[in-house]
PDB file of all heavy atoms in Angstrom:
ATOM      1  N   GLU A   1       0.916  -1.196  -0.047  1.00  0.00           N
ATOM      2  CA  GLU A   1       0.034   0.020  -0.042  1.00  0.00           C
ATOM      3  C   GLU A   1       0.899   1.221  -0.027  1.00  0.00           C
ATOM      4  O   GLU A   1       1.859   1.398   0.610  1.00  0.00           O
ATOM      5  CB  GLU A   1      -0.892   0.023   1.202  1.00  0.00           C
ATOM      6  CG  GLU A   1      -1.946  -1.129   1.232  1.00  0.00           C
ATOM      7  CD  GLU A   1      -2.941  -1.063   2.254  1.00  0.00           C
ATOM      8  OE1 GLU A   1      -2.999  -0.036   3.018  1.00  0.00           O
ATOM      9  OE2 GLU A   1      -3.902  -1.868   2.242  1.00  0.00           O
ATOM     10  N   GLY A   2       0.363   2.277  -0.668  1.00  0.00           N
ATOM     11  CA  GLY A   2       1.197   3.555  -0.837  1.00  0.00           C
ATOM     12  C   GLY A   2       0.936   4.147  -2.158  1.00  0.00           C
ATOM     13  O   GLY A   2       0.205   3.746  -3.062  1.00  0.00           O
ATOM     14  N   PRO A   3       1.784   5.288  -2.351  1.00  0.00           N
ATOM     15  CA  PRO A   3       1.561   6.018  -3.627  1.00  0.00           C
ATOM     16  C   PRO A   3       2.232   5.244  -4.806  1.00  0.00           C
ATOM     17  O   PRO A   3       2.987   4.416  -4.619  1.00  0.00           O
ATOM     18  CB  PRO A   3       2.441   7.348  -3.266  1.00  0.00           C
ATOM     19  CG  PRO A   3       3.485   6.772  -2.264  1.00  0.00           C
ATOM     20  CD  PRO A   3       2.721   5.725  -1.326  1.00  0.00           C
ATOM     21  N   ARG A   4       1.740   5.683  -5.948  1.00  0.00           N
ATOM     22  CA  ARG A   4       2.221   5.109  -7.344  1.00  0.00           C
ATOM     23  C   ARG A   4       3.207   6.115  -7.965  1.00  0.00           C
ATOM     24  O   ARG A   4       3.252   7.206  -7.632  1.00  0.00           O
ATOM     25  CB  ARG A   4       1.025   4.723  -8.178  1.00  0.00           C
ATOM     26  CG  ARG A   4      -0.079   3.973  -7.584  1.00  0.00           C
ATOM     27  CD  ARG A   4       0.376   2.503  -7.440  1.00  0.00           C
ATOM     28  NE  ARG A   4       0.992   2.141  -6.214  1.00  0.00           N
ATOM     29  CZ  ARG A   4       1.703   1.093  -5.785  1.00  0.00           C
ATOM     30  NH1 ARG A   4       1.738   0.141  -6.753  1.00  0.00           N
ATOM     31  NH2 ARG A   4       2.158   1.037  -4.736  1.00  0.00           N
ATOM     32  N   VAL A   5       3.821   5.636  -8.944  1.00  0.00           N
ATOM     33  CA  VAL A   5       4.707   6.387  -9.773  1.00  0.00           C
ATOM     34  C   VAL A   5       4.354   6.353 -11.254  1.00  0.00           C
ATOM     35  O   VAL A   5       3.740   5.426 -11.718  1.00  0.00           O
ATOM     36  CB  VAL A   5       6.149   6.096  -9.639  1.00  0.00           C
ATOM     37  CG1 VAL A   5       6.593   6.308  -8.193  1.00  0.00           C
ATOM     38  CG2 VAL A   5       6.428   4.587  -9.986  1.00  0.00           C
ATOM     39  N   PHE A   6       4.828   7.356 -11.983  1.00  0.00           N
ATOM     40  CA  PHE A   6       4.503   7.445 -13.511  1.00  0.00           C
ATOM     41  C   PHE A   6       3.112   7.358 -13.858  1.00  0.00           C
ATOM     42  O   PHE A   6       2.595   6.849 -14.864  1.00  0.00           O
ATOM     43  CB  PHE A   6       5.220   6.247 -14.285  1.00  0.00           C
ATOM     44  CG  PHE A   6       6.759   6.365 -14.085  1.00  0.00           C
ATOM     45  CD1 PHE A   6       7.400   5.340 -13.365  1.00  0.00           C
ATOM     46  CD2 PHE A   6       7.522   7.449 -14.596  1.00  0.00           C
ATOM     47  CE1 PHE A   6       8.796   5.271 -13.231  1.00  0.00           C
ATOM     48  CE2 PHE A   6       8.989   7.413 -14.424  1.00  0.00           C
ATOM     49  CZ  PHE A   6       9.520   6.382 -13.719  1.00  0.00           C
ATOM     50  N   GLU A   7       2.201   7.915 -12.975  1.00  0.00           N
ATOM     51  CA  GLU A   7       0.849   8.042 -13.209  1.00  0.00           C
ATOM     52  C   GLU A   7       0.446   9.434 -13.509  1.00  0.00           C
ATOM     53  O   GLU A   7       1.150  10.351 -12.982  1.00  0.00           O
ATOM     54  CB  GLU A   7       0.022   7.397 -12.157  1.00  0.00           C
ATOM     55  CG  GLU A   7       0.263   5.888 -12.069  1.00  0.00           C
ATOM     56  CD  GLU A   7      -0.862   5.153 -11.111  1.00  0.00           C
ATOM     57  OE1 GLU A   7      -1.604   5.945 -10.422  1.00  0.00           O
ATOM     58  OE2 GLU A   7      -0.896   3.936 -11.056  1.00  0.00           O
ATOM     59  N   SER A   8      -0.766   9.768 -14.053  1.00  0.00           N
ATOM     60  CA  SER A   8      -1.138  11.088 -14.416  1.00  0.00           C
ATOM     61  C   SER A   8      -1.420  11.869 -13.327  1.00  0.00           C
ATOM     62  O   SER A   8      -1.517  13.054 -13.402  1.00  0.00           O
ATOM     63  CB  SER A   8      -2.289  10.980 -15.452  1.00  0.00           C
ATOM     64  OG  SER A   8      -3.396  10.190 -14.904  1.00  0.00           O
ATOM     65  N   GLU A   9      -1.873  11.271 -12.293  1.00  0.00           N
ATOM     66  CA  GLU A   9      -2.371  12.102 -11.010  1.00  0.00           C
ATOM     67  C   GLU A   9      -2.064  11.324  -9.820  1.00  0.00           C
ATOM     68  O   GLU A   9      -1.951  10.020  -9.811  1.00  0.00           O
ATOM     69  CB  GLU A   9      -3.885  12.509 -11.106  1.00  0.00           C
ATOM     70  CG  GLU A   9      -4.775  11.305 -11.197  1.00  0.00           C
ATOM     71  CD  GLU A   9      -6.222  11.767 -11.419  1.00  0.00           C
ATOM     72  OE1 GLU A   9      -6.473  12.311 -12.621  1.00  0.00           O
ATOM     73  OE2 GLU A   9      -7.103  11.732 -10.500  1.00  0.00           O
ATOM     74  N   PRO A  10      -2.015  11.894  -8.700  1.00  0.00           N
ATOM     75  CA  PRO A  10      -1.733  11.190  -7.458  1.00  0.00           C
ATOM     76  C   PRO A  10      -2.675  10.037  -7.142  1.00  0.00           C
ATOM     77  O   PRO A  10      -3.889  10.197  -7.361  1.00  0.00           O
ATOM     78  CB  PRO A  10      -1.752  12.319  -6.242  1.00  0.00           C
ATOM     79  CG  PRO A  10      -1.521  13.550  -7.080  1.00  0.00           C
ATOM     80  CD  PRO A  10      -2.116  13.316  -8.396  1.00  0.00           C
ATOM     81  N   ASN A  11      -2.178   8.884  -6.701  1.00  0.00           N
ATOM     82  CA  ASN A  11      -2.982   7.779  -6.566  1.00  0.00           C
ATOM     83  C   ASN A  11      -2.295   6.821  -5.514  1.00  0.00           C
ATOM     84  O   ASN A  11      -1.118   6.580  -5.533  1.00  0.00           O
ATOM     85  CB  ASN A  11      -3.050   6.941  -7.791  1.00  0.00           C
ATOM     86  CG  ASN A  11      -4.021   5.760  -7.798  1.00  0.00           C
ATOM     87  OD1 ASN A  11      -4.959   5.737  -7.053  1.00  0.00           O
ATOM     88  ND2 ASN A  11      -3.703   4.654  -8.430  1.00  0.00           N
ATOM     89  N   THR A  12      -3.202   6.310  -4.616  1.00  0.00           N
ATOM     90  CA  THR A  12      -2.662   5.351  -3.553  1.00  0.00           C
ATOM     91  C   THR A  12      -3.181   3.977  -3.836  1.00  0.00           C
ATOM     92  O   THR A  12      -4.278   3.763  -4.167  1.00  0.00           O
ATOM     93  CB  THR A  12      -3.097   5.807  -2.162  1.00  0.00           C
ATOM     94  OG1 THR A  12      -2.487   7.092  -1.940  1.00  0.00           O
ATOM     95  CG2 THR A  12      -2.559   4.832  -1.104  1.00  0.00           C
ATOM     96  N   HIS A  13      -2.269   3.042  -3.715  1.00  0.00           N
ATOM     97  CA  HIS A  13      -2.635   1.651  -4.115  1.00  0.00           C
ATOM     98  C   HIS A  13      -3.059   0.863  -2.804  1.00  0.00           C
ATOM     99  O   HIS A  13      -2.342   1.021  -1.739  1.00  0.00           O
ATOM    100  CB  HIS A  13      -1.487   0.934  -4.778  1.00  0.00           C
ATOM    101  CG  HIS A  13      -1.630  -0.473  -5.162  1.00  0.00           C
ATOM    102  ND1 HIS A  13      -2.489  -0.925  -6.001  1.00  0.00           N
ATOM    103  CD2 HIS A  13      -0.955  -1.574  -4.501  1.00  0.00           C
ATOM    104  CE1 HIS A  13      -2.443  -2.231  -6.070  1.00  0.00           C
ATOM    105  NE2 HIS A  13      -1.718  -2.666  -5.143  1.00  0.00           N
ATOM    106  N   LEU A  14      -4.160   0.079  -2.947  1.00  0.00           N
ATOM    107  CA  LEU A  14      -4.574  -0.712  -1.867  1.00  0.00           C
ATOM    108  C   LEU A  14      -4.277  -2.124  -2.254  1.00  0.00           C
ATOM    109  O   LEU A  14      -4.541  -2.611  -3.460  1.00  0.00           O
ATOM    110  CB  LEU A  14      -6.095  -0.553  -1.613  1.00  0.00           C
ATOM    111  CG  LEU A  14      -6.455   0.967  -1.127  1.00  0.00           C
ATOM    112  CD1 LEU A  14      -7.917   0.922  -1.007  1.00  0.00           C
ATOM    113  CD2 LEU A  14      -5.709   1.229   0.091  1.00  0.00           C
ATOM    114  N   VAL A  15      -3.814  -2.973  -1.404  1.00  0.00           N
ATOM    115  CA  VAL A  15      -3.486  -4.342  -1.566  1.00  0.00           C
ATOM    116  C   VAL A  15      -4.516  -5.313  -1.112  1.00  0.00           C
ATOM    117  O   VAL A  15      -5.173  -5.180  -0.051  1.00  0.00           O
ATOM    118  CB  VAL A  15      -2.225  -4.666  -0.848  1.00  0.00           C
ATOM    119  CG1 VAL A  15      -1.820  -6.225  -1.047  1.00  0.00           C
ATOM    120  CG2 VAL A  15      -1.037  -3.819  -1.308  1.00  0.00           C
ATOM    121  N   SER A  16      -4.970  -6.288  -2.019  1.00  0.00           N
ATOM    122  CA  SER A  16      -5.962  -7.252  -1.695  1.00  0.00           C
ATOM    123  C   SER A  16      -5.434  -8.100  -0.471  1.00  0.00           C
ATOM    124  O   SER A  16      -4.363  -8.517  -0.584  1.00  0.00           O
ATOM    125  CB  SER A  16      -6.204  -8.216  -2.917  1.00  0.00           C
ATOM    126  OG  SER A  16      -6.886  -9.323  -2.653  1.00  0.00           O
ATOM    127  N   PRO A  17      -6.352  -8.427   0.413  1.00  0.00           N
ATOM    128  CA  PRO A  17      -5.858  -9.349   1.540  1.00  0.00           C
ATOM    129  C   PRO A  17      -5.734 -10.773   1.044  1.00  0.00           C
ATOM    130  O   PRO A  17      -5.080 -11.465   1.844  1.00  0.00           O
ATOM    131  CB  PRO A  17      -7.065  -9.157   2.502  1.00  0.00           C
ATOM    132  CG  PRO A  17      -8.299  -8.782   1.619  1.00  0.00           C
ATOM    133  CD  PRO A  17      -7.785  -8.087   0.522  1.00  0.00           C
ATOM    134  N   HIS A  18      -6.046 -10.982  -0.095  1.00  0.00           N
ATOM    135  CA  HIS A  18      -5.850 -12.486  -0.682  1.00  0.00           C
ATOM    136  C   HIS A  18      -4.771 -12.600  -1.667  1.00  0.00           C
ATOM    137  O   HIS A  18      -4.587 -13.652  -2.249  1.00  0.00           O
ATOM    138  CB  HIS A  18      -7.187 -12.837  -1.255  1.00  0.00           C
ATOM    139  CG  HIS A  18      -8.348 -12.731  -0.530  1.00  0.00           C
ATOM    140  ND1 HIS A  18      -8.570 -13.490   0.636  1.00  0.00           N
ATOM    141  CD2 HIS A  18      -9.533 -11.851  -0.624  1.00  0.00           C
ATOM    142  CE1 HIS A  18      -9.723 -13.130   1.223  1.00  0.00           C
ATOM    143  NE2 HIS A  18     -10.403 -12.129   0.465  1.00  0.00           N
ATOM    144  N   TYR A  19      -3.849 -11.476  -1.822  1.00  0.00           N
ATOM    145  CA  TYR A  19      -2.918 -11.599  -2.871  1.00  0.00           C
ATOM    146  C   TYR A  19      -1.826 -12.713  -2.689  1.00  0.00           C
ATOM    147  O   TYR A  19      -1.507 -13.307  -3.791  1.00  0.00           O
ATOM    148  CB  TYR A  19      -2.108 -10.245  -2.917  1.00  0.00           C
ATOM    149  CG  TYR A  19      -0.997 -10.115  -1.945  1.00  0.00           C
ATOM    150  CD1 TYR A  19       0.311 -10.404  -2.410  1.00  0.00           C
ATOM    151  CD2 TYR A  19      -1.236  -9.574  -0.785  1.00  0.00           C
ATOM    152  CE1 TYR A  19       1.349 -10.341  -1.456  1.00  0.00           C
ATOM    153  CE2 TYR A  19      -0.088  -9.377   0.146  1.00  0.00           C
ATOM    154  CZ  TYR A  19       1.126  -9.706  -0.200  1.00  0.00           C
ATOM    155  OH  TYR A  19       2.188  -9.637   0.638  1.00  0.00           O
ATOM    156  N   LYS A  20      -1.457 -13.058  -1.481  1.00  0.00           N
ATOM    157  CA  LYS A  20      -0.560 -14.179  -1.307  1.00  0.00           C
ATOM    158  C   LYS A  20      -0.953 -15.473  -1.802  1.00  0.00           C
ATOM    159  O   LYS A  20      -0.402 -16.041  -2.669  1.00  0.00           O
ATOM    160  CB  LYS A  20      -0.183 -14.232   0.178  1.00  0.00           C
ATOM    161  CG  LYS A  20       0.834 -13.170   0.579  1.00  0.00           C
ATOM    162  CD  LYS A  20       1.402 -13.473   1.996  1.00  0.00           C
ATOM    163  CE  LYS A  20       2.275 -12.351   2.477  1.00  0.00           C
ATOM    164  NZ  LYS A  20       2.860 -12.672   3.830  1.00  0.00           N
ATOM    165  N   GLU A  21      -2.156 -15.814  -1.431  1.00  0.00           N
ATOM    166  CA  GLU A  21      -2.760 -17.121  -1.835  1.00  0.00           C
ATOM    167  C   GLU A  21      -3.079 -17.167  -3.322  1.00  0.00           C
ATOM    168  O   GLU A  21      -2.883 -18.129  -4.019  1.00  0.00           O
ATOM    169  CB  GLU A  21      -4.003 -17.471  -1.061  1.00  0.00           C
ATOM    170  CG  GLU A  21      -5.197 -16.566  -1.160  1.00  0.00           C
ATOM    171  CD  GLU A  21      -6.278 -16.783  -0.176  1.00  0.00           C
ATOM    172  OE1 GLU A  21      -6.061 -16.327   1.058  1.00  0.00           O
ATOM    173  OE2 GLU A  21      -7.221 -17.308  -0.581  1.00  0.00           O
ATOM    174  N   ARG A  22      -3.442 -16.066  -3.838  1.00  0.00           N
ATOM    175  CA  ARG A  22      -3.749 -15.912  -5.233  1.00  0.00           C
ATOM    176  C   ARG A  22      -2.532 -16.079  -6.162  1.00  0.00           C
ATOM    177  O   ARG A  22      -2.399 -16.858  -7.139  1.00  0.00           O
ATOM    178  CB  ARG A  22      -4.460 -14.734  -5.748  1.00  0.00           C
ATOM    179  CG  ARG A  22      -5.901 -14.603  -4.939  1.00  0.00           C
ATOM    180  CD  ARG A  22      -6.797 -15.662  -5.298  1.00  0.00           C
ATOM    181  NE  ARG A  22      -7.434 -15.503  -6.603  1.00  0.00           N
ATOM    182  CZ  ARG A  22      -8.201 -16.448  -7.195  1.00  0.00           C
ATOM    183  NH1 ARG A  22      -8.384 -17.581  -6.644  1.00  0.00           N
ATOM    184  NH2 ARG A  22      -8.885 -16.139  -8.268  1.00  0.00           N
ATOM    185  N   TRP A  23      -1.511 -15.406  -5.744  1.00  0.00           N
ATOM    186  CA  TRP A  23      -0.218 -15.413  -6.549  1.00  0.00           C
ATOM    187  C   TRP A  23       0.456 -16.932  -6.427  1.00  0.00           C
ATOM    188  O   TRP A  23       1.121 -17.360  -7.273  1.00  0.00           O
ATOM    189  CB  TRP A  23       0.740 -14.342  -5.971  1.00  0.00           C
ATOM    190  CG  TRP A  23       0.565 -13.069  -6.710  1.00  0.00           C
ATOM    191  CD1 TRP A  23       0.038 -11.964  -6.232  1.00  0.00           C
ATOM    192  CD2 TRP A  23       0.960 -12.767  -8.175  1.00  0.00           C
ATOM    193  NE1 TRP A  23      -0.072 -11.000  -7.190  1.00  0.00           N
ATOM    194  CE2 TRP A  23       0.566 -11.484  -8.350  1.00  0.00           C
ATOM    195  CE3 TRP A  23       1.664 -13.424  -9.034  1.00  0.00           C
ATOM    196  CZ2 TRP A  23       0.849 -10.823  -9.538  1.00  0.00           C
ATOM    197  CZ3 TRP A  23       1.851 -12.848 -10.343  1.00  0.00           C
ATOM    198  CH2 TRP A  23       1.488 -11.469 -10.499  1.00  0.00           C
ATOM    199  N   GLN A  24       0.331 -17.513  -5.181  1.00  0.00           N
ATOM    200  CA  GLN A  24       0.904 -18.809  -4.812  1.00  0.00           C
ATOM    201  C   GLN A  24       0.125 -19.777  -5.872  1.00  0.00           C
ATOM    202  O   GLN A  24       0.698 -20.702  -6.430  1.00  0.00           O
ATOM    203  CB  GLN A  24       0.650 -19.187  -3.477  1.00  0.00           C
ATOM    204  CG  GLN A  24       1.645 -18.574  -2.562  1.00  0.00           C
ATOM    205  CD  GLN A  24       1.162 -18.742  -1.072  1.00  0.00           C
ATOM    206  OE1 GLN A  24       0.044 -19.114  -0.768  1.00  0.00           O
ATOM    207  NE2 GLN A  24       2.169 -18.263  -0.165  1.00  0.00           N
ATOM    208  N   GLU A  25      -1.195 -19.639  -6.053  1.00  0.00           N
ATOM    209  CA  GLU A  25      -1.926 -20.431  -6.903  1.00  0.00           C
ATOM    210  C   GLU A  25      -1.507 -20.337  -8.410  1.00  0.00           C
ATOM    211  O   GLU A  25      -1.265 -21.249  -9.171  1.00  0.00           O
ATOM    212  CB  GLU A  25      -3.467 -20.137  -6.839  1.00  0.00           C
ATOM    213  CG  GLU A  25      -4.159 -20.590  -5.605  1.00  0.00           C
ATOM    214  CD  GLU A  25      -5.602 -20.079  -5.491  1.00  0.00           C
ATOM    215  OE1 GLU A  25      -6.039 -19.337  -6.462  1.00  0.00           O
ATOM    216  OE2 GLU A  25      -6.210 -20.466  -4.489  1.00  0.00           O
ATOM    217  N   LEU A  26      -1.242 -18.978  -8.753  1.00  0.00           N
ATOM    218  CA  LEU A  26      -0.752 -18.751 -10.229  1.00  0.00           C
ATOM    219  C   LEU A  26       0.697 -19.277 -10.324  1.00  0.00           C
ATOM    220  O   LEU A  26       0.894 -19.862 -11.428  1.00  0.00           O
ATOM    221  CB  LEU A  26      -0.891 -17.287 -10.442  1.00  0.00           C
ATOM    222  CG  LEU A  26      -0.659 -16.876 -11.828  1.00  0.00           C
ATOM    223  CD1 LEU A  26      -1.767 -17.241 -12.716  1.00  0.00           C
ATOM    224  CD2 LEU A  26      -0.496 -15.296 -11.864  1.00  0.00           C
ATOM    225  N   LYS A  27       1.537 -19.075  -9.470  1.00  0.00           N
ATOM    226  CA  LYS A  27       2.946 -19.620  -9.632  1.00  0.00           C
ATOM    227  C   LYS A  27       2.827 -21.158  -9.700  1.00  0.00           C
ATOM    228  O   LYS A  27       3.489 -21.701 -10.627  1.00  0.00           O
ATOM    229  CB  LYS A  27       3.739 -19.280  -8.285  1.00  0.00           C
ATOM    230  CG  LYS A  27       5.037 -19.999  -8.167  1.00  0.00           C
ATOM    231  CD  LYS A  27       5.947 -19.687  -9.360  1.00  0.00           C
ATOM    232  CE  LYS A  27       7.341 -20.231  -8.952  1.00  0.00           C
ATOM    233  NZ  LYS A  27       8.449 -19.999 -10.018  1.00  0.00           N
ATOM    234  N   LYS A  28       2.099 -21.929  -8.864  1.00  0.00           N
ATOM    235  CA  LYS A  28       1.991 -23.325  -9.108  1.00  0.00           C
ATOM    236  C   LYS A  28       1.309 -23.747 -10.482  1.00  0.00           C
ATOM    237  O   LYS A  28       1.936 -24.540 -11.112  1.00  0.00           O
ATOM    238  CB  LYS A  28       0.990 -23.870  -8.017  1.00  0.00           C
ATOM    239  CG  LYS A  28       0.872 -25.319  -7.982  1.00  0.00           C
ATOM    240  CD  LYS A  28       0.040 -25.780  -6.721  1.00  0.00           C
ATOM    241  CE  LYS A  28      -0.198 -27.325  -6.731  1.00  0.00           C
ATOM    242  NZ  LYS A  28      -0.971 -27.720  -5.614  1.00  0.00           N
ATOM    243  N   PHE A  29       0.329 -22.946 -10.871  1.00  0.00           N
ATOM    244  CA  PHE A  29      -0.290 -23.265 -12.099  1.00  0.00           C
ATOM    245  C   PHE A  29       0.620 -22.948 -13.296  1.00  0.00           C
ATOM    246  O   PHE A  29       0.715 -23.800 -14.354  1.00  0.00           O
ATOM    247  CB  PHE A  29      -1.428 -22.197 -12.342  1.00  0.00           C
ATOM    248  CG  PHE A  29      -2.239 -22.345 -13.704  1.00  0.00           C
ATOM    249  CD1 PHE A  29      -2.893 -23.485 -14.120  1.00  0.00           C
ATOM    250  CD2 PHE A  29      -1.997 -21.328 -14.531  1.00  0.00           C
ATOM    251  CE1 PHE A  29      -3.631 -23.509 -15.184  1.00  0.00           C
ATOM    252  CE2 PHE A  29      -2.706 -21.295 -15.819  1.00  0.00           C
ATOM    253  CZ  PHE A  29      -3.494 -22.453 -16.188  1.00  0.00           C
ATOM    254  N   PHE A  30       1.463 -21.973 -13.348  1.00  0.00           N
ATOM    255  CA  PHE A  30       2.403 -21.644 -14.402  1.00  0.00           C
ATOM    256  C   PHE A  30       3.496 -22.652 -14.429  1.00  0.00           C
ATOM    257  O   PHE A  30       3.877 -23.190 -15.478  1.00  0.00           O
ATOM    258  CB  PHE A  30       2.944 -20.255 -14.177  1.00  0.00           C
ATOM    259  CG  PHE A  30       2.155 -19.087 -14.509  1.00  0.00           C
ATOM    260  CD1 PHE A  30       2.521 -17.728 -14.395  1.00  0.00           C
ATOM    261  CD2 PHE A  30       0.945 -19.280 -15.193  1.00  0.00           C
ATOM    262  CE1 PHE A  30       1.855 -16.668 -14.830  1.00  0.00           C
ATOM    263  CE2 PHE A  30       0.099 -18.228 -15.682  1.00  0.00           C
ATOM    264  CZ  PHE A  30       0.619 -16.986 -15.528  1.00  0.00           C
ATOM    265  N   THR A  31       4.084 -23.023 -13.250  1.00  0.00           N
ATOM    266  CA  THR A  31       5.129 -24.070 -13.185  1.00  0.00           C
ATOM    267  C   THR A  31       4.710 -25.392 -13.689  1.00  0.00           C
ATOM    268  O   THR A  31       5.401 -25.990 -14.442  1.00  0.00           O
ATOM    269  CB  THR A  31       5.565 -24.116 -11.743  1.00  0.00           C
ATOM    270  OG1 THR A  31       6.099 -22.938 -11.171  1.00  0.00           O
ATOM    271  CG2 THR A  31       6.634 -25.280 -11.656  1.00  0.00           C
ATOM    272  N   ALA A  32       3.409 -25.827 -13.382  1.00  0.00           N
ATOM    273  CA  ALA A  32       2.959 -27.061 -13.904  1.00  0.00           C
ATOM    274  C   ALA A  32       2.729 -27.022 -15.490  1.00  0.00           C
ATOM    275  O   ALA A  32       2.684 -28.105 -16.014  1.00  0.00           O
ATOM    276  CB  ALA A  32       1.434 -27.329 -13.318  1.00  0.00           C
TER     277      ALA A  32
END
């Protein structure tokens, strides 16, 4: 979470509480 760069106007990013498990699933899927 925090500010972004190279964007047209100020913007703060919020992180999904499920990002870890979703990326772990994707990594496993890609590797397979």
